[in-house]
Protein backbone atom coordinates (compact mmCIF):
# COMPACT_ATOMS: atom_id res chain seq x y z
CA MET A 1 -52.87 29.76 3.76
CA VAL A 2 -51.80 32.79 1.76
CA ILE A 3 -48.22 32.52 2.99
CA GLN A 4 -48.11 28.80 2.18
CA THR A 5 -49.55 29.41 -1.29
CA VAL A 6 -46.97 32.11 -2.04
CA GLY A 7 -44.28 29.80 -0.68
CA ALA A 8 -45.51 27.01 -2.95
CA PHE A 9 -45.35 29.40 -5.92
CA PHE A 10 -41.70 30.18 -5.26
CA ALA A 11 -40.87 26.56 -4.42
CA VAL A 12 -42.29 25.38 -7.75
CA ILE A 13 -40.39 28.09 -9.61
CA SER A 14 -37.18 27.09 -7.82
CA PHE A 15 -37.76 23.43 -8.63
CA SER A 16 -38.50 24.39 -12.24
CA LEU A 17 -35.16 26.17 -12.43
CA ILE A 18 -33.42 23.03 -11.19
CA LEU A 19 -35.24 21.04 -13.90
CA GLU A 20 -34.09 23.67 -16.42
CA LEU A 21 -37.60 24.54 -17.52
CA PRO A 22 -37.71 27.21 -20.24
CA LYS A 23 -37.88 30.59 -18.52
CA LYS A 24 -41.03 31.59 -20.40
CA TYR A 25 -42.97 28.85 -18.57
CA LEU A 26 -41.69 29.53 -15.04
CA ALA A 27 -44.45 31.87 -13.88
CA LEU A 28 -47.20 29.67 -15.30
CA SER A 29 -45.82 26.49 -13.75
CA GLY A 30 -45.44 28.34 -10.44
CA ALA A 31 -49.03 29.52 -10.61
CA ILE A 32 -50.28 26.00 -11.38
CA GLY A 33 -48.34 24.61 -8.42
CA ALA A 34 -49.57 27.37 -6.11
CA VAL A 35 -53.21 26.84 -7.08
CA GLY A 36 -52.76 23.11 -6.58
CA TRP A 37 -51.33 23.69 -3.12
CA LEU A 38 -54.16 26.07 -2.21
CA VAL A 39 -56.71 23.43 -3.22
CA TYR A 40 -54.74 20.85 -1.20
CA LEU A 41 -54.93 23.06 1.90
CA LEU A 42 -58.64 23.81 1.43
CA VAL A 43 -59.61 20.17 0.90
CA GLN A 44 -57.47 19.01 3.80
CA ALA A 45 -59.10 21.59 6.08
CA ALA A 46 -62.61 20.69 4.89
CA ALA A 47 -62.34 16.91 4.64
CA GLY A 48 -59.48 16.23 7.04
CA SER A 49 -57.93 13.77 4.60
CA VAL A 50 -54.51 14.20 3.03
CA ILE A 51 -55.34 11.49 0.50
CA ALA A 52 -58.46 13.29 -0.77
CA ALA A 53 -56.53 16.56 -0.74
CA ALA A 54 -53.71 15.08 -2.80
CA PHE A 55 -56.15 13.51 -5.26
CA LEU A 56 -58.27 16.62 -5.85
CA SER A 57 -55.33 19.03 -5.99
CA THR A 58 -53.47 16.79 -8.44
CA LEU A 59 -56.62 16.47 -10.54
CA LEU A 60 -56.76 20.25 -10.78
CA VAL A 61 -53.01 20.55 -11.45
CA ALA A 62 -53.30 17.97 -14.23
CA LEU A 63 -56.26 19.84 -15.75
CA PHE A 64 -54.42 23.17 -15.70
CA SER A 65 -51.27 21.49 -17.03
CA HIS A 66 -53.14 20.07 -20.03
CA ILE A 67 -54.77 23.41 -20.74
CA ALA A 68 -51.48 25.31 -20.38
CA ALA A 69 -49.72 22.80 -22.62
CA ARG A 70 -52.23 23.34 -25.38
CA VAL A 71 -52.24 27.11 -25.04
CA CYS A 72 -48.43 27.39 -24.89
CA LYS A 73 -47.83 24.53 -27.36
CA ALA A 74 -45.55 22.76 -24.91
CA PRO A 75 -45.44 19.24 -23.47
CA VAL A 76 -47.79 18.57 -20.57
CA THR A 77 -44.92 17.34 -18.40
CA VAL A 78 -43.39 20.84 -18.43
CA PHE A 79 -46.21 22.01 -16.19
CA LEU A 80 -47.27 18.75 -14.56
CA VAL A 81 -43.99 17.65 -12.99
CA ALA A 82 -43.38 21.02 -11.40
CA GLY A 83 -47.04 21.51 -10.49
CA ILE A 84 -47.41 18.32 -8.45
CA LEU A 85 -44.29 19.04 -6.40
CA PRO A 86 -46.17 20.48 -3.39
CA SER A 87 -48.45 17.42 -3.23
CA VAL A 88 -45.65 14.86 -3.10
CA PRO A 89 -45.76 13.01 0.25
CA GLY A 90 -42.28 13.89 1.50
CA ALA A 91 -43.28 14.32 5.14
CA SER A 92 -45.01 10.94 5.29
CA ILE A 93 -42.04 9.05 3.87
CA TYR A 94 -39.71 10.96 6.20
CA ARG A 95 -41.82 9.95 9.21
CA SER A 96 -41.94 6.37 8.03
CA VAL A 97 -38.15 6.14 7.80
CA SER A 98 -37.73 8.02 11.07
CA TYR A 99 -39.93 5.51 12.88
CA VAL A 100 -38.04 2.61 11.29
CA ILE A 101 -34.82 4.05 12.69
CA SER A 102 -36.37 4.61 16.13
CA ASN A 103 -37.68 1.01 16.06
CA ASP A 104 -41.42 1.77 16.08
CA PRO A 105 -42.87 -0.58 13.46
CA VAL A 106 -46.52 0.38 14.09
CA LEU A 107 -46.07 4.07 13.31
CA SER A 108 -43.60 3.28 10.54
CA SER A 109 -46.15 1.03 8.84
CA HIS A 110 -48.88 3.62 9.30
CA TYR A 111 -46.87 6.35 7.55
CA LEU A 112 -45.65 3.97 4.85
CA VAL A 113 -49.24 3.03 4.00
CA GLU A 114 -50.22 6.71 4.03
CA THR A 115 -47.34 7.49 1.65
CA LEU A 116 -48.41 4.75 -0.73
CA GLN A 117 -52.04 5.92 -0.61
CA ILE A 118 -51.07 9.53 -1.37
CA SER A 119 -48.78 8.41 -4.19
CA GLY A 120 -51.55 6.25 -5.60
CA ALA A 121 -54.02 9.13 -5.41
CA ILE A 122 -51.60 11.39 -7.28
CA ALA A 123 -51.01 8.76 -9.97
CA MET A 124 -54.73 8.06 -10.31
CA ALA A 125 -55.58 11.76 -10.68
CA ILE A 126 -52.97 12.19 -13.41
CA PHE A 127 -54.20 9.06 -15.18
CA ILE A 128 -57.85 10.16 -15.03
CA MET A 129 -57.18 13.64 -16.39
CA ASP A 130 -54.88 12.31 -19.12
CA SER A 131 -57.53 9.77 -20.13
CA LEU A 132 -60.22 12.46 -20.29
CA PHE A 133 -58.07 14.62 -22.53
CA ARG A 134 -57.26 11.64 -24.77
CA LEU A 135 -60.97 10.84 -25.08
CA GLY A 136 -61.71 14.45 -25.96
CA LYS A 137 -58.94 14.41 -28.53
CA LYS A 138 -60.41 11.38 -30.31
CA LYS A 139 -63.82 13.06 -30.70
């Protein structure tokens, strides 16, 4: 898990460089992504569900992104887009397309549904955290 977390840190930093993130935010966005990936791994190991892991890790990434945005006086998307990168269901969509090509509609449908569920969990977590921060802002 440690190696994967360190790898996620460097992957998020590399992705942030491609997105041309300001250099002063690189380490923080990498740390947010790495913590999100660590939570993903821990939840997946404990619950055995990639959907729950994606939801909870994205919830945490969104929380840290909102906090970092307020502390650094930067847009939330600076940290959020890079931070959710490790949770994106790339392997599931790859498997879905692979099984379409190999003419296995049952497995293809299974992985397509899993991809949509993970994507929905990520979107829901971002929406929930954004809504909580907006409610707190109004008070």
